[in-house]
Protein backbone atom coordinates (compact mmCIF):
# COMPACT_ATOMS: atom_id res chain seq x y z
CA MET A 1 0.00 0.00 0.00
CA ARG A 2 2.91 2.31 0.74
CA GLU A 3 4.07 2.08 -2.88
CA ILE A 4 0.63 3.09 -4.16
CA LYS A 5 0.68 6.18 -1.93
CA ILE A 6 4.16 7.13 -3.16
CA LEU A 7 3.04 6.65 -6.75
CA ALA A 8 -0.02 8.83 -6.15
CA ILE A 9 2.15 11.60 -4.68
CA LEU A 10 4.50 11.44 -7.69
CA VAL A 11 1.55 11.60 -10.08
CA VAL A 12 0.22 14.72 -8.33
CA ILE A 13 3.64 16.44 -8.38
CA VAL A 14 4.22 15.64 -12.04
CA GLY A 15 0.68 16.77 -12.89
CA VAL A 16 1.15 20.12 -11.13
CA ILE A 17 4.43 20.71 -12.97
CA TYR A 18 3.14 19.60 -16.36
CA TRP A 19 -0.31 21.26 -16.32
CA GLY A 20 0.49 24.17 -14.00
CA VAL A 21 4.10 25.31 -13.87
CA GLU A 22 5.06 24.49 -17.46
CA PRO A 23 2.11 26.36 -19.08
CA LEU A 24 2.79 29.32 -16.79
CA ALA A 25 6.46 29.42 -17.82
CA HIS A 26 5.50 29.08 -21.48
CA SER A 27 3.04 31.98 -21.22
CA VAL A 28 5.76 34.19 -19.73
CA PHE A 29 8.43 33.38 -22.32
CA HIS A 30 5.96 33.13 -25.22
CA PRO A 31 3.07 35.56 -24.71
CA LYS A 32 -0.13 34.58 -26.49
CA LYS A 33 -0.42 35.89 -30.03
CA ALA A 34 -3.48 36.47 -32.16
CA PRO A 35 -4.22 33.51 -34.45
CA ALA A 36 -3.18 33.52 -38.08
CA ASP A 37 -5.46 35.67 -40.25
CA TYR A 38 -5.99 34.15 -43.68
CA GLN A 39 -8.34 36.97 -44.73
CA PHE A 40 -5.57 39.54 -44.11
CA LYS A 41 -7.93 42.02 -42.48
CA ASP A 42 -5.10 44.44 -41.69
CA VAL A 43 -5.01 45.35 -45.42
CA LYS A 44 -8.74 45.10 -46.01
CA ASP A 45 -8.77 48.67 -47.36
CA LEU A 46 -6.52 47.52 -50.23
CA GLN A 47 -8.46 44.39 -51.14
CA VAL A 48 -10.49 44.34 -54.35
CA MET A 49 -13.84 42.56 -54.20
CA LEU A 50 -14.97 43.21 -57.80
CA PRO A 51 -15.78 40.24 -60.09
CA GLY A 52 -12.94 39.71 -62.53
CA ASN A 53 -12.69 38.67 -66.18
CA ALA A 54 -10.06 35.98 -66.72
CA GLU A 55 -9.64 36.74 -70.44
CA SER A 56 -8.92 40.39 -69.76
CA GLY A 57 -6.60 39.31 -66.96
CA LYS A 58 -4.63 37.13 -69.36
CA VAL A 59 -3.95 40.10 -71.65
CA LEU A 60 -2.89 42.22 -68.68
CA VAL A 61 -0.49 39.54 -67.45
CA GLU A 62 1.04 39.11 -70.90
CA ASN A 63 1.54 42.85 -71.26
CA ASN A 64 2.69 43.68 -67.76
CA CYS A 65 4.22 40.59 -66.14
CA ALA A 66 5.94 38.47 -68.79
CA GLY A 67 9.23 40.33 -68.49
CA CYS A 68 9.91 38.79 -65.08
CA HIS A 69 7.42 35.94 -64.71
CA ASN A 70 6.71 32.73 -66.58
CA VAL A 71 3.30 31.17 -66.71
CA THR A 72 4.91 27.74 -66.48
CA THR A 73 8.53 26.79 -65.76
CA PRO A 74 10.14 23.48 -64.82
CA GLU A 75 11.66 23.57 -61.33
CA ASN A 76 15.03 25.34 -61.19
CA GLU A 77 14.85 26.46 -64.84
CA LEU A 78 15.52 30.19 -64.76
CA LYS A 79 14.08 31.66 -67.95
CA ALA A 80 12.37 34.94 -67.19
CA ARG A 81 14.81 37.29 -65.49
CA ASN A 82 14.86 41.01 -65.22
CA ALA A 83 17.99 43.10 -65.62
CA ASP A 84 19.19 42.38 -62.08
CA GLY A 85 19.01 38.62 -62.49
CA VAL A 86 16.15 38.00 -60.05
CA GLN A 87 13.85 35.12 -60.86
CA GLY A 88 10.21 36.07 -60.72
CA PRO A 89 8.00 33.25 -59.43
CA ASP A 90 5.91 31.25 -61.86
CA LEU A 91 2.41 32.64 -62.15
CA LYS A 92 0.66 29.38 -62.93
CA GLU A 93 0.57 28.36 -59.27
CA MET A 94 -0.21 31.80 -57.79
CA GLY A 95 -3.96 31.20 -57.67
CA TYR A 96 -3.40 27.97 -55.75
CA LEU A 97 -0.80 29.25 -53.32
CA TYR A 98 -2.12 32.62 -52.29
CA ALA A 99 -5.36 33.82 -50.77
CA PRO A 100 -7.28 36.07 -53.22
CA GLU A 101 -7.55 38.69 -50.47
CA PHE A 102 -3.77 38.81 -50.33
CA LEU A 103 -3.27 38.78 -54.10
CA SER A 104 -5.57 41.72 -54.80
CA ALA A 105 -4.12 43.84 -51.99
CA PHE A 106 -0.57 42.91 -53.02
CA LEU A 107 -1.13 44.06 -56.60
CA LYS A 108 -2.27 47.42 -55.26
CA ASP A 109 0.56 48.02 -52.75
CA PRO A 110 3.20 45.23 -52.67
CA LEU A 111 5.49 46.80 -50.07
CA LYS A 112 2.78 47.46 -47.51
CA VAL A 113 1.10 44.10 -47.91
CA ALA A 114 4.41 42.22 -47.70
CA MET A 115 5.22 44.32 -44.60
CA LEU A 116 8.40 45.70 -46.13
CA ASP A 117 7.41 49.36 -46.39
CA LYS A 118 9.23 50.41 -43.21
CA LYS A 119 12.27 48.19 -43.72
CA LEU A 120 12.83 49.36 -47.29
CA GLU A 121 11.88 53.00 -46.82
CA GLY A 122 14.11 54.95 -49.18
CA LYS A 123 15.34 51.70 -50.78
CA GLU A 124 12.13 50.60 -52.45
CA ASP A 125 13.97 49.65 -55.65
CA LEU A 126 15.41 46.59 -53.88
CA TYR A 127 11.91 45.13 -53.97
CA GLN A 128 11.20 45.24 -57.64
CA MET A 129 7.49 44.46 -57.37
CA SER A 130 7.13 47.89 -55.76
CA VAL A 131 7.09 49.46 -59.24
CA ILE A 132 3.53 48.22 -59.86
CA ALA A 133 2.10 50.14 -56.89
CA GLY A 134 -0.65 52.41 -58.18
CA THR A 135 -0.32 51.35 -61.82
CA LEU A 136 -3.41 49.11 -61.89
CA ASP A 137 -7.00 50.13 -61.22
CA ASP A 138 -9.37 47.93 -59.21
CA GLN A 139 -10.97 46.28 -62.23
CA GLN A 140 -7.60 45.38 -63.73
CA ILE A 141 -6.52 43.88 -60.41
CA ALA A 142 -9.74 41.86 -60.22
CA ASP A 143 -9.18 40.60 -63.78
CA ILE A 144 -5.60 39.52 -63.05
CA VAL A 145 -6.65 37.67 -59.88
CA ALA A 146 -9.45 35.94 -61.82
CA TYR A 147 -6.95 34.85 -64.48
CA LEU A 148 -4.47 33.53 -61.91
CA LYS A 149 -7.26 31.55 -60.26
CA SER A 150 -8.40 30.16 -63.63
CA ILE A 151 -4.98 28.73 -64.58
CA ALA A 152 -4.09 27.43 -61.12
CA PRO A 153 -3.73 23.64 -60.72
CA GLN A 154 -6.36 21.78 -58.74
CA GLU A 155 -3.78 20.09 -56.54
CA MET A 156 -0.08 20.42 -55.77
CA SER A 157 2.21 18.19 -53.73
CA ASN A 158 3.63 19.49 -50.45
CA ARG A 159 7.09 19.70 -52.01
CA GLU A 160 5.83 21.61 -55.05
CA VAL A 161 4.14 24.14 -52.78
CA PHE A 162 7.35 24.61 -50.79
CA VAL A 163 9.45 25.06 -53.94
CA GLN A 164 7.15 27.72 -55.34
CA ALA A 165 6.52 29.52 -52.05
CA CYS A 166 9.91 29.41 -50.32
CA SER A 167 12.84 28.36 -52.51
CA ARG A 168 13.58 31.78 -53.98
CA CYS A 169 15.26 32.61 -50.66
CA HIS A 170 15.55 29.38 -48.68
CA GLU A 171 17.42 26.11 -49.18
CA MET A 172 16.23 22.71 -48.06
CA LYS A 173 19.48 20.74 -48.08
CA TYR A 174 18.16 17.73 -46.17
CA ASP A 175 15.64 17.13 -48.92
CA GLY A 176 18.46 15.24 -50.64
CA ILE A 177 18.33 12.54 -47.94
CA ASN A 178 15.16 11.26 -49.56
CA GLY A 179 16.98 10.42 -52.78
CA LEU A 180 16.44 13.85 -54.32
CA LYS A 181 19.14 16.41 -55.02
CA GLY A 182 17.96 18.92 -52.44
CA ILE A 183 16.34 22.30 -52.99
CA GLN A 184 18.69 25.19 -53.73
CA VAL A 185 18.02 28.92 -53.52
CA ALA A 186 16.70 30.17 -56.84
CA THR A 187 17.75 33.81 -56.34
CA PRO A 188 21.49 34.64 -56.55
CA SER A 189 22.93 34.73 -53.02
CA LYS A 190 24.36 38.25 -53.48
CA LEU A 191 20.91 39.63 -54.15
CA VAL A 192 19.39 37.75 -51.20
CA GLN A 193 22.12 39.26 -48.99
CA GLU A 194 21.40 42.78 -50.25
CA TYR A 195 17.67 42.42 -49.82
CA LEU A 196 17.54 40.65 -46.46
CA GLY A 197 20.77 41.93 -44.96
CA ALA A 198 21.85 38.34 -44.22
CA PRO A 199 21.62 34.94 -45.92
CA ALA A 200 18.24 33.32 -45.52
CA PRO A 201 18.50 30.21 -43.30
CA ASP A 202 18.30 26.66 -44.54
CA LEU A 203 14.90 25.30 -43.50
CA SER A 204 15.78 21.62 -43.18
CA MET A 205 15.50 21.55 -39.38
CA MET A 206 13.36 24.63 -38.81
CA PHE A 207 10.23 22.62 -38.01
CA ARG A 208 11.99 20.80 -35.17
CA SER A 209 13.54 23.97 -33.76
CA LYS A 210 10.43 26.17 -33.90
CA GLY A 211 7.41 23.87 -34.06
CA ALA A 212 4.19 24.02 -36.08
CA HIS A 213 2.40 26.68 -34.01
CA TYR A 214 5.24 29.21 -34.19
CA LEU A 215 5.82 28.66 -37.91
CA GLU A 216 2.11 28.94 -38.70
CA LEU A 217 1.99 32.40 -37.12
CA PHE A 218 5.40 33.42 -38.49
CA ILE A 219 4.61 32.60 -42.12
CA ASN A 220 1.26 34.39 -41.92
CA ASP A 221 2.68 37.47 -40.19
CA PRO A 222 6.46 37.48 -39.53
CA GLN A 223 6.40 40.82 -37.70
CA LYS A 224 3.98 39.41 -35.14
CA MET A 225 6.50 36.81 -34.04
CA LEU A 226 9.80 38.59 -34.73
CA PRO A 227 9.44 42.38 -34.98
CA GLY A 228 11.93 43.91 -37.39
CA THR A 229 12.62 40.68 -39.26
CA SER A 230 13.57 40.87 -42.93
CA MET A 231 11.19 38.04 -43.75
CA PRO A 232 8.31 39.39 -45.85
CA ARG A 233 4.75 38.24 -45.32
CA VAL A 234 4.23 35.45 -47.84
CA GLY A 235 0.42 35.52 -48.00
CA LEU A 236 -0.21 31.81 -48.41
CA SER A 237 -3.72 30.46 -48.16
CA GLU A 238 -4.45 28.28 -45.14
CA LYS A 239 -4.30 25.12 -47.27
CA ALA A 240 -0.98 26.02 -48.91
CA GLU A 241 0.57 26.99 -45.58
CA LYS A 242 -0.39 23.64 -44.05
CA GLN A 243 1.25 21.92 -47.01
CA VAL A 244 4.46 23.89 -46.49
CA LEU A 245 4.49 22.94 -42.81
CA SER A 246 3.75 19.28 -43.61
CA TYR A 247 6.68 19.21 -46.02
CA MET A 248 9.00 20.89 -43.52
CA GLU A 249 7.99 18.34 -40.87
CA GLU A 250 8.56 15.48 -43.30
CA ILE A 251 12.11 16.68 -43.98
CA ALA A 252 12.96 17.62 -40.39
CA ASP A 253 11.46 14.52 -38.78
CA PRO A 254 11.15 11.71 -41.36
CA LYS A 255 11.10 9.03 -38.64
CA LYS A 256 8.25 10.60 -36.66
CA ALA A 257 5.66 7.90 -37.33
CA GLU A 258 8.17 5.12 -36.63
CA ARG A 259 9.36 6.83 -33.45
CA GLU A 260 5.86 7.44 -32.12
CA SER A 261 4.86 3.85 -32.85
CA LEU A 262 7.92 2.57 -31.00
CA GLY A 263 7.21 4.96 -28.12
CA ILE A 264 3.73 3.50 -27.58
CA LYS A 265 5.16 -0.02 -27.58
CA LEU A 266 7.82 0.97 -25.04
CA MET A 267 5.22 2.56 -22.76
CA LEU A 268 3.08 -0.57 -22.88
CA TYR A 269 6.13 -2.71 -22.18
CA SER A 270 7.12 -0.52 -19.23
CA ALA A 271 3.58 -0.64 -17.79
CA ILE A 272 3.44 -4.45 -18.04
CA MET A 273 6.90 -4.83 -16.49
CA ALA A 274 5.93 -2.45 -13.66
CA VAL A 275 2.90 -4.62 -12.82
CA ILE A 276 5.02 -7.80 -12.95
CA ALA A 277 7.71 -6.19 -10.75
CA TYR A 278 5.09 -5.11 -8.22
CA LEU A 279 3.51 -8.57 -8.06
CA TRP A 280 6.94 -10.18 -7.74
CA LYS A 281 7.85 -7.82 -4.91
CA ARG A 282 4.60 -8.63 -3.08
CA ARG A 283 5.25 -12.36 -3.43
CA VAL A 284 8.86 -12.17 -2.20
CA TRP A 285 8.19 -9.83 0.70
CA LYS A 286 4.72 -10.99 1.79
CA ASP A 287 6.10 -13.00 4.74
CA LEU A 288 7.91 -9.93 6.09
CA HIS A 289 4.84 -7.64 6.25
């Protein structure tokens, strides 16, 4: 009976630490943040809600965007480049990756919506999309968004989403462990350095170091989690962001399912052995009590 009482005391102590002290410490070191906002209400005044015409949008894209952007490009094939050698992202996947609320506001004021207006004040030319600010009226923006939605694929793999959303600045070196050649930065490193002020980190282990909750908030609004960071707001839809995080977890922790399965087996084994040890102890010591 004494052992049961000791076990009960230990359970209470561990419970107080785990459900009381640990959450308190976490709340002090990591104050609660507002949840991710996939409607991007902070730039609601820039969003365009007009119905768009995809055919008109196609003409606008061909006339205004083709100098830097391709409508379809094999991975790592750098065709469309502007004079500074920066690869513009493919437009075919834009309607899949990004929330329409973000796209329309971005086309109206890229720097503000990407949260780079303060960082690049006086150096707006470093962010070359800034040149389109104010050049399109609301109907043209609605038409372009409608066109991007019309050519978007129905589905993309987690890796494809990561490549299109993140690889212009970030590497994923550990991707090569899975038999692939790894994901390299698409933008020349010198330009990344000038724009960000420092090389963008490799993301191979970022999921394990930061966790899903932090990354979800950071991708949706980097300034919320790390004020002053050079990371722009990406503007991914909720679905695309979850795919990015799933891919990052797959690379950072490829043995997760195997490890968790083994953990359950070890816990069951330990519980059975604890019962056997207790019964054996009772049998051996019963004549002494």
